[in-house]
Protein backbone atom coordinates (compact mmCIF):
# COMPACT_ATOMS: atom_id res chain seq x y z
CA MET A 1 -33.17 -30.63 -71.61
CA GLY A 2 -30.92 -32.58 -69.26
CA PHE A 3 -27.20 -32.99 -69.25
CA GLY A 4 -26.08 -34.86 -72.34
CA SER A 5 -29.30 -34.19 -74.20
CA TYR A 6 -29.36 -32.85 -77.71
CA ASP A 7 -31.78 -31.38 -80.16
CA GLU A 8 -32.87 -34.29 -82.34
CA SER A 9 -33.65 -31.96 -85.24
CA GLU A 10 -29.97 -30.99 -85.36
CA GLN A 11 -28.97 -34.66 -85.49
CA GLN A 12 -31.38 -35.43 -88.32
CA ASN A 13 -30.13 -32.52 -90.40
CA GLY A 14 -27.00 -33.82 -92.14
CA ASN A 15 -25.85 -30.34 -93.11
CA VAL A 16 -23.05 -28.93 -91.04
CA ASP A 17 -22.23 -25.24 -91.13
CA ALA A 18 -18.47 -25.14 -91.46
CA ASP A 19 -16.01 -22.97 -93.29
CA ASP A 20 -14.21 -25.84 -94.98
CA ASP A 21 -12.17 -24.75 -97.96
CA GLY A 22 -11.15 -28.33 -98.70
CA GLU A 23 -7.49 -27.82 -97.85
CA GLY A 24 -5.77 -30.18 -95.45
CA VAL A 25 -3.70 -29.20 -92.47
CA SER A 26 0.05 -29.54 -92.72
CA VAL A 27 1.28 -31.17 -89.52
CA HIS A 28 4.86 -30.35 -90.48
CA GLU A 29 4.28 -26.64 -90.99
CA ASN A 30 6.04 -25.69 -87.74
CA ASP A 31 8.60 -28.48 -87.42
CA HIS A 32 11.97 -27.54 -86.04
CA GLU A 33 15.13 -29.27 -85.04
CA GLY A 34 17.20 -28.44 -82.04
CA THR A 35 17.97 -29.28 -78.46
CA VAL A 36 16.58 -28.21 -75.13
CA ARG A 37 18.77 -27.94 -72.08
CA PHE A 38 17.84 -27.03 -68.52
CA GLU A 39 20.31 -25.95 -65.93
CA THR A 40 19.42 -26.23 -62.26
CA ASP A 41 21.18 -26.27 -58.93
CA ALA A 42 18.74 -28.86 -57.57
CA SER A 43 19.91 -32.45 -57.24
CA THR A 44 17.99 -35.36 -58.71
CA ASP A 45 16.84 -36.33 -55.21
CA ASP A 46 15.53 -32.81 -54.61
CA LEU A 47 13.58 -32.91 -57.85
CA ILE A 48 12.11 -36.34 -57.04
CA ASP A 49 11.05 -35.10 -53.59
CA GLN A 50 9.44 -32.05 -55.16
CA LEU A 51 7.56 -34.27 -57.63
CA GLY A 52 6.32 -36.42 -54.76
CA GLU A 53 5.02 -33.30 -52.97
CA MET A 54 3.23 -32.16 -56.10
CA LYS A 55 1.58 -35.58 -56.47
CA ASP A 56 0.50 -35.50 -52.80
CA ASP A 57 -1.09 -32.07 -53.33
CA ASP A 58 -3.22 -33.45 -56.16
CA GLU A 59 -4.75 -36.08 -53.88
């Protein structure tokens, strides 16, 4: 079996083994309100330079 291949018998079998209790997922279960604040001694120019270095490292 090569990369991306699949077992055709699994595709033909429409049954899926899943523990589905029929309940939906609440996307608002962990909502919160608040603010986030960061304090740093670095200037905006320092942060932009650091970002540029990080981007250069990825290449």
